[in-house]
Amino acid sequence: MPIRQGNRLDWDKLRVFHAVAEAGSFTHAGERLGLSQSAVSRQISGLEESLAQSLFHRHARGLILTEQGDLLYQTVHEVFTKLALVETQLTESRERPTGPLKVTTTVAFGSVWLAPRVKHFIQEYPEIDLTLILNDGELDLAMREADVAVRFMAPRQPDLVKRVLRSISYNVYAAPDYLRKYGTPQTIEDMADHKVIIYGDEFHPPVENMNWFVSAIETAGVPVRPVLRVNNIYSMYRAVQSGLGLAALPAYLSQEDTNLVRVLPQMSGDPIEIYFVYPEEMRHLKRVEAFRDFLMRQMSGARARLTETPPLA
């Protein structure tokens, strides 16, 4: 569906169309582009006229893409995203990594492990404009919802590059206040007298087999007493901190918070691999390489902390 002005593609109209589709109104798109509402409206009308297609449904509450408009938006968004990537590749400094970098990871890992360490990265690379996006769901890297990801499951998309950074273990933890009140379990059978915080079955966890601890207890024929079901590992961690109950948590949390006590040291979940993931076309961006190397250095220095945590007295 070629869009032409004379003998050339009309990129200006496409740029305005893309902004309107993302903003949902002529006014907001105009503010983003530095154009008046009437100028934006004229560009969209001209584009619709050249295509002989209606691209938006007009409503009092805003604009909604028509089926034809959505088809055009998907294509234009992909093209503009790739153009932006090429622009950054062409302008990136030969001497120093520079430019924006959006990093996504889970809420727990991002809040407890990564956020306290990023100051070292920012100090080393002040020209990189770093954004952390903490989300237990998988943002679409191919659509540039983020540039790179730190994930705890291998990516399912075939066009993503992955690198294993480190393995971590999952152990069982409680707070000292809880153990003083309810005692320390020594065997699985003791769990009949304890409260357990679990990742709810109806939620999609960011790691596989999140409730291995519960499965092990039930396999031994011991009734499980979930005191709380939650859809977030960070919330489980905070609930354990408060003394609510026991939970299976990643080992790095206990190293960031010495108030967690490992119990049932004979029990541990299968090791979980941490992946650094990014789109193939970003492979040679210096800022991506810089962040990958930063993570590897940080994790290399914390290997024991990520993989094995001795029980605390």
C-alpha atoms as a PDB file:
ATOM      1  CA  MET A   1       0.000   0.000   0.000  1.00  0.00           C
ATOM      2  CA  PRO A   2       2.389   2.741  -1.195  1.00  0.00           C
ATOM      3  CA  ILE A   3       1.929   6.203   0.268  1.00  0.00           C
ATOM      4  CA  ARG A   4       3.290   8.823  -2.123  1.00  0.00           C
ATOM      5  CA  GLN A   5       3.642  12.523  -2.422  1.00  0.00           C
ATOM      6  CA  GLY A   6       4.499  13.137  -6.062  1.00  0.00           C
ATOM      7  CA  ASN A   7       7.002  10.365  -6.679  1.00  0.00           C
ATOM      8  CA  ARG A   8       8.196  10.049  -3.086  1.00  0.00           C
ATOM      9  CA  LEU A   9       6.969   8.272  -0.004  1.00  0.00           C
ATOM     10  CA  ASP A  10       5.295  10.847   2.252  1.00  0.00           C
ATOM     11  CA  TRP A  11       7.234  10.245   5.453  1.00  0.00           C
ATOM     12  CA  ASP A  12       5.869  13.396   7.109  1.00  0.00           C
ATOM     13  CA  LYS A  13       2.308  12.105   6.974  1.00  0.00           C
ATOM     14  CA  LEU A  14       3.429   8.703   8.224  1.00  0.00           C
ATOM     15  CA  ARG A  15       5.294  10.347  11.107  1.00  0.00           C
ATOM     16  CA  VAL A  16       2.182  12.307  12.073  1.00  0.00           C
ATOM     17  CA  PHE A  17      -0.014   9.211  11.699  1.00  0.00           C
ATOM     18  CA  HIS A  18       2.297   7.206  13.979  1.00  0.00           C
ATOM     19  CA  ALA A  19       2.218   9.936  16.638  1.00  0.00           C
ATOM     20  CA  VAL A  20      -1.591  10.177  16.500  1.00  0.00           C
ATOM     21  CA  ALA A  21      -1.987   6.394  16.742  1.00  0.00           C
ATOM     22  CA  GLU A  22       0.231   6.322  19.834  1.00  0.00           C
ATOM     23  CA  ALA A  23      -1.251   9.426  21.489  1.00  0.00           C
ATOM     24  CA  GLY A  24      -4.903   8.653  20.720  1.00  0.00           C
ATOM     25  CA  SER A  25      -5.768  12.251  19.845  1.00  0.00           C
ATOM     26  CA  PHE A  26      -4.806  15.038  17.456  1.00  0.00           C
ATOM     27  CA  THR A  27      -4.152  17.410  20.358  1.00  0.00           C
ATOM     28  CA  HIS A  28      -1.723  15.162  22.230  1.00  0.00           C
ATOM     29  CA  ALA A  29       0.036  14.174  19.021  1.00  0.00           C
ATOM     30  CA  GLY A  30       0.389  17.844  18.119  1.00  0.00           C
ATOM     31  CA  GLU A  31       1.955  18.604  21.496  1.00  0.00           C
ATOM     32  CA  ARG A  32       4.453  15.807  20.954  1.00  0.00           C
ATOM     33  CA  LEU A  33       5.291  16.948  17.412  1.00  0.00           C
ATOM     34  CA  GLY A  34       5.175  20.687  18.002  1.00  0.00           C
ATOM     35  CA  LEU A  35       2.258  21.133  15.593  1.00  0.00           C
ATOM     36  CA  SER A  36      -1.188  22.629  15.985  1.00  0.00           C
ATOM     37  CA  GLN A  37      -4.226  20.370  16.291  1.00  0.00           C
ATOM     38  CA  SER A  38      -5.514  21.607  12.948  1.00  0.00           C
ATOM     39  CA  ALA A  39      -2.192  20.885  11.206  1.00  0.00           C
ATOM     40  CA  VAL A  40      -2.218  17.328  12.548  1.00  0.00           C
ATOM     41  CA  SER A  41      -5.821  16.862  11.445  1.00  0.00           C
ATOM     42  CA  ARG A  42      -4.987  18.080   7.928  1.00  0.00           C
ATOM     43  CA  GLN A  43      -2.083  15.631   7.642  1.00  0.00           C
ATOM     44  CA  ILE A  44      -4.268  12.701   8.684  1.00  0.00           C
ATOM     45  CA  SER A  45      -7.071  13.740   6.343  1.00  0.00           C
ATOM     46  CA  GLY A  46      -4.582  14.012   3.490  1.00  0.00           C
ATOM     47  CA  LEU A  47      -3.192  10.571   4.264  1.00  0.00           C
ATOM     48  CA  GLU A  48      -6.674   9.025   4.386  1.00  0.00           C
ATOM     49  CA  GLU A  49      -7.540  10.716   1.099  1.00  0.00           C
ATOM     50  CA  SER A  50      -4.401   9.407  -0.623  1.00  0.00           C
ATOM     51  CA  LEU A  51      -5.151   5.891   0.587  1.00  0.00           C
ATOM     52  CA  ALA A  52      -8.909   6.095   0.066  1.00  0.00           C
ATOM     53  CA  GLN A  53      -9.187   4.504   3.507  1.00  0.00           C
ATOM     54  CA  SER A  54     -10.479   5.650   6.887  1.00  0.00           C
ATOM     55  CA  LEU A  55      -7.658   5.162   9.428  1.00  0.00           C
ATOM     56  CA  PHE A  56      -9.420   6.280  12.625  1.00  0.00           C
ATOM     57  CA  HIS A  57     -12.855   6.049  14.180  1.00  0.00           C
ATOM     58  CA  ARG A  58     -13.612   9.483  15.667  1.00  0.00           C
ATOM     59  CA  HIS A  59     -15.182   9.401  19.120  1.00  0.00           C
ATOM     60  CA  ALA A  60     -15.782  11.999  21.787  1.00  0.00           C
ATOM     61  CA  ARG A  61     -13.316  10.162  24.018  1.00  0.00           C
ATOM     62  CA  GLY A  62     -10.584  10.041  21.395  1.00  0.00           C
ATOM     63  CA  LEU A  63      -9.458   8.190  18.294  1.00  0.00           C
ATOM     64  CA  ILE A  64      -9.500   4.452  17.685  1.00  0.00           C
ATOM     65  CA  LEU A  65      -7.673   2.799  14.804  1.00  0.00           C
ATOM     66  CA  THR A  66      -9.795   1.150  12.141  1.00  0.00           C
ATOM     67  CA  GLU A  67      -8.787  -2.286  10.898  1.00  0.00           C
ATOM     68  CA  GLN A  68      -6.937  -0.644   7.995  1.00  0.00           C
ATOM     69  CA  GLY A  69      -5.393   1.902  10.358  1.00  0.00           C
ATOM     70  CA  ASP A  70      -4.138  -0.822  12.674  1.00  0.00           C
ATOM     71  CA  LEU A  71      -2.534  -2.648   9.741  1.00  0.00           C
ATOM     72  CA  LEU A  72      -0.750   0.535   8.694  1.00  0.00           C
ATOM     73  CA  TYR A  73       0.294   1.311  12.284  1.00  0.00           C
ATOM     74  CA  GLN A  74       1.909  -2.099  12.808  1.00  0.00           C
ATOM     75  CA  THR A  75       4.021  -1.654   9.686  1.00  0.00           C
ATOM     76  CA  VAL A  76       4.916   1.985  10.333  1.00  0.00           C
ATOM     77  CA  HIS A  77       5.796   1.268  13.972  1.00  0.00           C
ATOM     78  CA  GLU A  78       8.158  -1.519  12.935  1.00  0.00           C
ATOM     79  CA  VAL A  79       9.812   0.699  10.305  1.00  0.00           C
ATOM     80  CA  PHE A  80      10.230   3.656  12.665  1.00  0.00           C
ATOM     81  CA  THR A  81      11.602   1.404  15.394  1.00  0.00           C
ATOM     82  CA  LYS A  82      14.216  -0.006  13.039  1.00  0.00           C
ATOM     83  CA  LEU A  83      15.089   3.462  11.761  1.00  0.00           C
ATOM     84  CA  ALA A  84      15.616   4.671  15.332  1.00  0.00           C
ATOM     85  CA  LEU A  85      17.874   1.697  15.997  1.00  0.00           C
ATOM     86  CA  VAL A  86      19.924   2.343  12.856  1.00  0.00           C
ATOM     87  CA  GLU A  87      20.228   6.000  13.829  1.00  0.00           C
ATOM     88  CA  THR A  88      21.627   5.109  17.240  1.00  0.00           C
ATOM     89  CA  GLN A  89      24.019   2.593  15.690  1.00  0.00           C
ATOM     90  CA  LEU A  90      25.316   5.208  13.235  1.00  0.00           C
ATOM     91  CA  THR A  91      25.682   7.982  15.811  1.00  0.00           C
ATOM     92  CA  GLU A  92      26.982   5.944  18.751  1.00  0.00           C
ATOM     93  CA  SER A  93      30.412   7.142  19.813  1.00  0.00           C
ATOM     94  CA  ARG A  94      33.395   5.094  18.698  1.00  0.00           C
ATOM     95  CA  GLU A  95      35.153   5.887  21.960  1.00  0.00           C
ATOM     96  CA  ARG A  96      32.482   5.615  24.626  1.00  0.00           C
ATOM     97  CA  PRO A  97      29.084   3.850  24.813  1.00  0.00           C
ATOM     98  CA  THR A  98      26.305   6.410  24.743  1.00  0.00           C
ATOM     99  CA  GLY A  99      22.557   6.752  24.236  1.00  0.00           C
ATOM    100  CA  PRO A 100      19.391   5.365  25.863  1.00  0.00           C
ATOM    101  CA  LEU A 101      19.225   1.871  27.326  1.00  0.00           C
ATOM    102  CA  LYS A 102      15.971   0.425  28.681  1.00  0.00           C
ATOM    103  CA  VAL A 103      16.533  -2.631  30.880  1.00  0.00           C
ATOM    104  CA  THR A 104      13.685  -4.825  32.079  1.00  0.00           C
ATOM    105  CA  THR A 105      13.785  -7.490  34.761  1.00  0.00           C
ATOM    106  CA  THR A 106      11.599  -8.892  37.532  1.00  0.00           C
ATOM    107  CA  VAL A 107      10.374  -6.722  40.378  1.00  0.00           C
ATOM    108  CA  ALA A 108      12.279  -8.692  43.026  1.00  0.00           C
ATOM    109  CA  PHE A 109      15.618  -8.913  41.233  1.00  0.00           C
ATOM    110  CA  GLY A 110      15.422  -5.340  40.008  1.00  0.00           C
ATOM    111  CA  SER A 111      14.446  -3.889  43.385  1.00  0.00           C
ATOM    112  CA  VAL A 112      16.678  -5.877  45.703  1.00  0.00           C
ATOM    113  CA  TRP A 113      19.740  -6.883  43.675  1.00  0.00           C
ATOM    114  CA  LEU A 114      20.076  -4.670  40.589  1.00  0.00           C
ATOM    115  CA  ALA A 115      18.904  -1.208  41.708  1.00  0.00           C
ATOM    116  CA  PRO A 116      21.503  -0.861  44.511  1.00  0.00           C
ATOM    117  CA  ARG A 117      24.288  -1.707  42.031  1.00  0.00           C
ATOM    118  CA  VAL A 118      23.402   0.412  39.003  1.00  0.00           C
ATOM    119  CA  LYS A 119      25.113   3.464  40.477  1.00  0.00           C
ATOM    120  CA  HIS A 120      28.443   1.782  39.620  1.00  0.00           C
ATOM    121  CA  PHE A 121      27.326   1.375  36.007  1.00  0.00           C
ATOM    122  CA  ILE A 122      26.103   4.977  35.795  1.00  0.00           C
ATOM    123  CA  GLN A 123      29.340   6.270  37.288  1.00  0.00           C
ATOM    124  CA  GLU A 124      31.349   4.288  34.751  1.00  0.00           C
ATOM    125  CA  TYR A 125      29.137   5.189  31.770  1.00  0.00           C
ATOM    126  CA  PRO A 126      27.526   8.588  32.445  1.00  0.00           C
ATOM    127  CA  GLU A 127      26.756   9.014  28.720  1.00  0.00           C
ATOM    128  CA  ILE A 128      24.312   6.077  28.823  1.00  0.00           C
ATOM    129  CA  ASP A 129      20.754   7.128  29.684  1.00  0.00           C
ATOM    130  CA  LEU A 130      19.645   4.132  31.756  1.00  0.00           C
ATOM    131  CA  THR A 131      16.008   3.208  32.448  1.00  0.00           C
ATOM    132  CA  LEU A 132      14.952   0.224  34.606  1.00  0.00           C
ATOM    133  CA  ILE A 133      11.547  -1.294  33.859  1.00  0.00           C
ATOM    134  CA  LEU A 134      10.550  -3.726  36.613  1.00  0.00           C
ATOM    135  CA  ASN A 135       7.848  -6.105  35.458  1.00  0.00           C
ATOM    136  CA  ASP A 136       7.277  -9.798  36.156  1.00  0.00           C
ATOM    137  CA  GLY A 137       5.729 -10.163  32.700  1.00  0.00           C
ATOM    138  CA  GLU A 138       7.799 -10.493  29.529  1.00  0.00           C
ATOM    139  CA  LEU A 139       8.002  -7.200  27.697  1.00  0.00           C
ATOM    140  CA  ASP A 140       8.271  -7.519  23.915  1.00  0.00           C
ATOM    141  CA  LEU A 141      11.898  -6.742  23.080  1.00  0.00           C
ATOM    142  CA  ALA A 142      11.269  -7.153  19.357  1.00  0.00           C
ATOM    143  CA  MET A 143       8.785  -4.259  19.562  1.00  0.00           C
ATOM    144  CA  ARG A 144      11.271  -2.247  21.663  1.00  0.00           C
ATOM    145  CA  GLU A 145       9.168  -2.170  24.819  1.00  0.00           C
ATOM    146  CA  ALA A 146      12.645  -2.545  26.328  1.00  0.00           C
ATOM    147  CA  ASP A 147      16.122  -2.894  24.831  1.00  0.00           C
ATOM    148  CA  VAL A 148      17.497  -5.733  26.943  1.00  0.00           C
ATOM    149  CA  ALA A 149      16.154  -8.045  29.636  1.00  0.00           C
ATOM    150  CA  VAL A 150      17.437  -9.999  32.616  1.00  0.00           C
ATOM    151  CA  ARG A 151      15.166 -13.047  32.782  1.00  0.00           C
ATOM    152  CA  PHE A 152      14.916 -16.263  34.734  1.00  0.00           C
ATOM    153  CA  MET A 153      13.557 -18.394  31.917  1.00  0.00           C
ATOM    154  CA  ALA A 154      14.947 -18.845  28.408  1.00  0.00           C
ATOM    155  CA  PRO A 155      13.173 -16.580  25.885  1.00  0.00           C
ATOM    156  CA  ARG A 156      10.572 -18.216  23.677  1.00  0.00           C
ATOM    157  CA  GLN A 157      11.048 -15.815  20.765  1.00  0.00           C
ATOM    158  CA  PRO A 158      13.518 -17.269  18.225  1.00  0.00           C
ATOM    159  CA  ASP A 159      14.893 -13.863  17.149  1.00  0.00           C
ATOM    160  CA  LEU A 160      16.317 -12.998  20.574  1.00  0.00           C
ATOM    161  CA  VAL A 161      19.921 -13.514  21.628  1.00  0.00           C
ATOM    162  CA  LYS A 162      20.420 -15.012  25.089  1.00  0.00           C
ATOM    163  CA  ARG A 163      23.428 -15.436  27.320  1.00  0.00           C
ATOM    164  CA  VAL A 164      23.500 -17.278  30.636  1.00  0.00           C
ATOM    165  CA  LEU A 165      24.928 -14.990  33.307  1.00  0.00           C
ATOM    166  CA  ARG A 166      24.729 -17.195  36.377  1.00  0.00           C
ATOM    167  CA  SER A 167      22.692 -19.872  38.148  1.00  0.00           C
ATOM    168  CA  ILE A 168      20.897 -19.178  41.405  1.00  0.00           C
ATOM    169  CA  SER A 169      19.378 -21.500  43.970  1.00  0.00           C
ATOM    170  CA  TYR A 170      16.011 -21.316  45.711  1.00  0.00           C
ATOM    171  CA  ASN A 171      15.936 -22.060  49.424  1.00  0.00           C
ATOM    172  CA  VAL A 172      13.429 -21.850  52.268  1.00  0.00           C
ATOM    173  CA  TYR A 173      13.533 -18.752  54.470  1.00  0.00           C
ATOM    174  CA  ALA A 174      11.841 -17.252  57.493  1.00  0.00           C
ATOM    175  CA  ALA A 175      12.244 -14.170  59.669  1.00  0.00           C
ATOM    176  CA  PRO A 176      13.723 -14.409  63.192  1.00  0.00           C
ATOM    177  CA  ASP A 177      10.464 -13.111  64.708  1.00  0.00           C
ATOM    178  CA  TYR A 178       8.498 -15.895  63.043  1.00  0.00           C
ATOM    179  CA  LEU A 179      10.935 -18.586  64.238  1.00  0.00           C
ATOM    180  CA  ARG A 180      10.867 -17.267  67.812  1.00  0.00           C
ATOM    181  CA  LYS A 181       7.082 -17.478  67.792  1.00  0.00           C
ATOM    182  CA  TYR A 182       6.541 -20.787  65.961  1.00  0.00           C
ATOM    183  CA  GLY A 183       9.873 -22.598  66.260  1.00  0.00           C
ATOM    184  CA  THR A 184      12.287 -23.735  63.547  1.00  0.00           C
ATOM    185  CA  PRO A 185      11.175 -26.702  61.407  1.00  0.00           C
ATOM    186  CA  GLN A 186      13.758 -29.473  61.225  1.00  0.00           C
ATOM    187  CA  THR A 187      11.975 -31.884  58.865  1.00  0.00           C
ATOM    188  CA  ILE A 188       9.270 -31.745  56.218  1.00  0.00           C
ATOM    189  CA  GLU A 189       6.899 -33.344  58.709  1.00  0.00           C
ATOM    190  CA  ASP A 190       7.343 -30.306  60.960  1.00  0.00           C
ATOM    191  CA  MET A 191       5.767 -28.164  58.243  1.00  0.00           C
ATOM    192  CA  ALA A 192       2.332 -29.357  59.376  1.00  0.00           C
ATOM    193  CA  ASP A 193       2.662 -26.774  62.161  1.00  0.00           C
ATOM    194  CA  HIS A 194       3.878 -23.882  60.006  1.00  0.00           C
ATOM    195  CA  LYS A 195       2.467 -21.200  57.747  1.00  0.00           C
ATOM    196  CA  VAL A 196       3.597 -21.024  54.119  1.00  0.00           C
ATOM    197  CA  ILE A 197       3.571 -18.113  51.681  1.00  0.00           C
ATOM    198  CA  ILE A 198       3.189 -19.317  48.094  1.00  0.00           C
ATOM    199  CA  TYR A 199       3.055 -18.033  44.541  1.00  0.00           C
ATOM    200  CA  GLY A 200      -0.623 -18.376  43.584  1.00  0.00           C
ATOM    201  CA  ASP A 201      -1.420 -21.128  41.085  1.00  0.00           C
ATOM    202  CA  GLU A 202      -3.576 -18.775  39.027  1.00  0.00           C
ATOM    203  CA  PHE A 203      -0.637 -16.457  38.350  1.00  0.00           C
ATOM    204  CA  HIS A 204       2.165 -16.865  35.817  1.00  0.00           C
ATOM    205  CA  PRO A 205       5.512 -16.826  37.682  1.00  0.00           C
ATOM    206  CA  PRO A 206       8.707 -15.408  36.155  1.00  0.00           C
ATOM    207  CA  VAL A 207      10.526 -18.693  36.913  1.00  0.00           C
ATOM    208  CA  GLU A 208       9.585 -22.320  36.356  1.00  0.00           C
ATOM    209  CA  ASN A 209       8.379 -24.560  39.194  1.00  0.00           C
ATOM    210  CA  MET A 210       8.035 -21.645  41.579  1.00  0.00           C
ATOM    211  CA  ASN A 211       6.127 -23.715  44.158  1.00  0.00           C
ATOM    212  CA  TRP A 212       8.579 -26.643  44.334  1.00  0.00           C
ATOM    213  CA  PHE A 213       8.613 -26.303  48.129  1.00  0.00           C
ATOM    214  CA  VAL A 214       4.863 -26.833  48.378  1.00  0.00           C
ATOM    215  CA  SER A 215       5.070 -29.816  46.004  1.00  0.00           C
ATOM    216  CA  ALA A 216       7.777 -31.425  48.166  1.00  0.00           C
ATOM    217  CA  ILE A 217       5.681 -31.007  51.315  1.00  0.00           C
ATOM    218  CA  GLU A 218       2.548 -32.429  49.690  1.00  0.00           C
ATOM    219  CA  THR A 219       4.505 -35.358  48.199  1.00  0.00           C
ATOM    220  CA  ALA A 220       5.560 -36.259  51.748  1.00  0.00           C
ATOM    221  CA  GLY A 221       1.879 -36.381  52.730  1.00  0.00           C
ATOM    222  CA  VAL A 222       2.067 -33.295  54.917  1.00  0.00           C
ATOM    223  CA  PRO A 223      -0.810 -30.806  54.691  1.00  0.00           C
ATOM    224  CA  VAL A 224       0.200 -27.352  53.487  1.00  0.00           C
ATOM    225  CA  ARG A 225      -1.227 -24.261  55.167  1.00  0.00           C
ATOM    226  CA  PRO A 226      -0.865 -21.339  52.745  1.00  0.00           C
ATOM    227  CA  VAL A 227      -1.302 -18.201  54.794  1.00  0.00           C
ATOM    228  CA  LEU A 228      -0.944 -16.027  51.687  1.00  0.00           C
ATOM    229  CA  ARG A 229      -1.014 -16.453  47.912  1.00  0.00           C
ATOM    230  CA  VAL A 230       0.637 -13.677  45.942  1.00  0.00           C
ATOM    231  CA  ASN A 231       1.696 -13.024  42.340  1.00  0.00           C
ATOM    232  CA  ASN A 232       5.020 -11.359  43.043  1.00  0.00           C
ATOM    233  CA  ILE A 233       8.298 -12.704  44.474  1.00  0.00           C
ATOM    234  CA  TYR A 234       9.172  -9.331  45.970  1.00  0.00           C
ATOM    235  CA  SER A 235       5.866  -9.330  47.866  1.00  0.00           C
ATOM    236  CA  MET A 236       6.575 -12.853  49.109  1.00  0.00           C
ATOM    237  CA  TYR A 237       9.961 -11.627  50.335  1.00  0.00           C
ATOM    238  CA  ARG A 238       8.403  -8.659  52.147  1.00  0.00           C
ATOM    239  CA  ALA A 239       5.770 -10.912  53.717  1.00  0.00           C
ATOM    240  CA  VAL A 240       8.501 -13.254  54.998  1.00  0.00           C
ATOM    241  CA  GLN A 241      10.372 -10.244  56.389  1.00  0.00           C
ATOM    242  CA  SER A 242       7.274  -9.242  58.323  1.00  0.00           C
ATOM    243  CA  GLY A 243       7.152 -12.618  60.092  1.00  0.00           C
ATOM    244  CA  LEU A 244       4.005 -13.862  58.340  1.00  0.00           C
ATOM    245  CA  GLY A 245       5.365 -17.270  57.348  1.00  0.00           C
ATOM    246  CA  LEU A 246       7.975 -19.287  55.450  1.00  0.00           C
ATOM    247  CA  ALA A 247       8.592 -19.186  51.699  1.00  0.00           C
ATOM    248  CA  ALA A 248      10.910 -20.508  49.010  1.00  0.00           C
ATOM    249  CA  LEU A 249      12.915 -17.522  47.755  1.00  0.00           C
ATOM    250  CA  PRO A 250      15.972 -16.937  45.555  1.00  0.00           C
ATOM    251  CA  ALA A 251      19.212 -17.105  47.513  1.00  0.00           C
ATOM    252  CA  TYR A 252      20.358 -13.606  46.560  1.00  0.00           C
ATOM    253  CA  LEU A 253      17.604 -12.103  48.718  1.00  0.00           C
ATOM    254  CA  SER A 254      19.166 -13.473  51.899  1.00  0.00           C
ATOM    255  CA  GLN A 255      22.496 -11.858  51.033  1.00  0.00           C
ATOM    256  CA  GLU A 256      20.876  -8.487  50.506  1.00  0.00           C
ATOM    257  CA  ASP A 257      18.930  -8.874  53.779  1.00  0.00           C
ATOM    258  CA  THR A 258      20.663 -10.654  56.641  1.00  0.00           C
ATOM    259  CA  ASN A 259      17.373 -10.689  58.541  1.00  0.00           C
ATOM    260  CA  LEU A 260      16.301 -13.736  56.507  1.00  0.00           C
ATOM    261  CA  VAL A 261      17.114 -17.110  58.073  1.00  0.00           C
ATOM    262  CA  ARG A 262      17.458 -20.207  55.939  1.00  0.00           C
ATOM    263  CA  VAL A 263      15.549 -23.188  57.329  1.00  0.00           C
ATOM    264  CA  LEU A 264      15.350 -26.814  56.190  1.00  0.00           C
ATOM    265  CA  PRO A 265      18.839 -26.581  54.627  1.00  0.00           C
ATOM    266  CA  GLN A 266      18.456 -30.106  53.282  1.00  0.00           C
ATOM    267  CA  MET A 267      15.872 -28.739  50.844  1.00  0.00           C
ATOM    268  CA  SER A 268      16.654 -26.620  47.800  1.00  0.00           C
ATOM    269  CA  GLY A 269      14.935 -26.019  44.489  1.00  0.00           C
ATOM    270  CA  ASP A 270      16.507 -26.773  41.130  1.00  0.00           C
ATOM    271  CA  PRO A 271      19.039 -24.103  40.111  1.00  0.00           C
ATOM    272  CA  ILE A 272      17.578 -21.297  37.998  1.00  0.00           C
ATOM    273  CA  GLU A 273      19.629 -19.753  35.209  1.00  0.00           C
ATOM    274  CA  ILE A 274      19.734 -15.992  34.769  1.00  0.00           C
ATOM    275  CA  TYR A 275      19.650 -14.906  31.121  1.00  0.00           C
ATOM    276  CA  PHE A 276      20.739 -11.661  29.508  1.00  0.00           C
ATOM    277  CA  VAL A 277      18.455 -11.244  26.494  1.00  0.00           C
ATOM    278  CA  TYR A 278      18.329  -8.763  23.613  1.00  0.00           C
ATOM    279  CA  PRO A 279      17.258  -8.568  19.945  1.00  0.00           C
ATOM    280  CA  GLU A 280      19.714  -9.772  17.326  1.00  0.00           C
ATOM    281  CA  GLU A 281      19.960  -6.337  15.708  1.00  0.00           C
ATOM    282  CA  MET A 282      21.308  -4.874  18.979  1.00  0.00           C
ATOM    283  CA  ARG A 283      24.163  -7.358  19.236  1.00  0.00           C
ATOM    284  CA  HIS A 284      26.922  -4.875  18.402  1.00  0.00           C
ATOM    285  CA  LEU A 285      25.639  -1.822  20.284  1.00  0.00           C
ATOM    286  CA  LYS A 286      28.349  -0.735  22.694  1.00  0.00           C
ATOM    287  CA  ARG A 287      25.921   0.232  25.434  1.00  0.00           C
ATOM    288  CA  VAL A 288      24.398  -3.277  25.348  1.00  0.00           C
ATOM    289  CA  GLU A 289      27.857  -4.828  25.550  1.00  0.00           C
ATOM    290  CA  ALA A 290      28.748  -2.478  28.407  1.00  0.00           C
ATOM    291  CA  PHE A 291      25.696  -3.449  30.458  1.00  0.00           C
ATOM    292  CA  ARG A 292      26.215  -7.154  29.776  1.00  0.00           C
ATOM    293  CA  ASP A 293      29.830  -6.933  30.942  1.00  0.00           C
ATOM    294  CA  PHE A 294      28.758  -4.933  34.006  1.00  0.00           C
ATOM    295  CA  LEU A 295      26.282  -7.660  35.002  1.00  0.00           C
ATOM    296  CA  MET A 296      28.883 -10.371  34.482  1.00  0.00           C
ATOM    297  CA  ARG A 297      31.383  -8.552  36.715  1.00  0.00           C
ATOM    298  CA  GLN A 298      28.809  -7.977  39.436  1.00  0.00           C
ATOM    299  CA  MET A 299      27.627 -11.583  39.360  1.00  0.00           C
ATOM    300  CA  SER A 300      31.119 -13.001  39.218  1.00  0.00           C
ATOM    301  CA  GLY A 301      31.918 -11.163  42.433  1.00  0.00           C
ATOM    302  CA  ALA A 302      28.719 -12.472  44.032  1.00  0.00           C
ATOM    303  CA  ARG A 303      28.839 -16.074  42.798  1.00  0.00           C
ATOM    304  CA  ALA A 304      28.562 -17.680  46.224  1.00  0.00           C
ATOM    305  CA  ARG A 305      25.768 -15.323  47.167  1.00  0.00           C
ATOM    306  CA  LEU A 306      23.695 -16.198  44.140  1.00  0.00           C
ATOM    307  CA  THR A 307      24.156 -19.939  44.258  1.00  0.00           C
ATOM    308  CA  GLU A 308      24.507 -21.097  47.812  1.00  0.00           C
ATOM    309  CA  THR A 309      23.497 -19.625  51.130  1.00  0.00           C
ATOM    310  CA  PRO A 310      24.509 -21.347  54.400  1.00  0.00           C
ATOM    311  CA  PRO A 311      21.933 -21.518  57.170  1.00  0.00           C
ATOM    312  CA  LEU A 312      22.188 -18.646  59.611  1.00  0.00           C
ATOM    313  CA  ALA A 313      22.334 -19.032  63.346  1.00  0.00           C
END
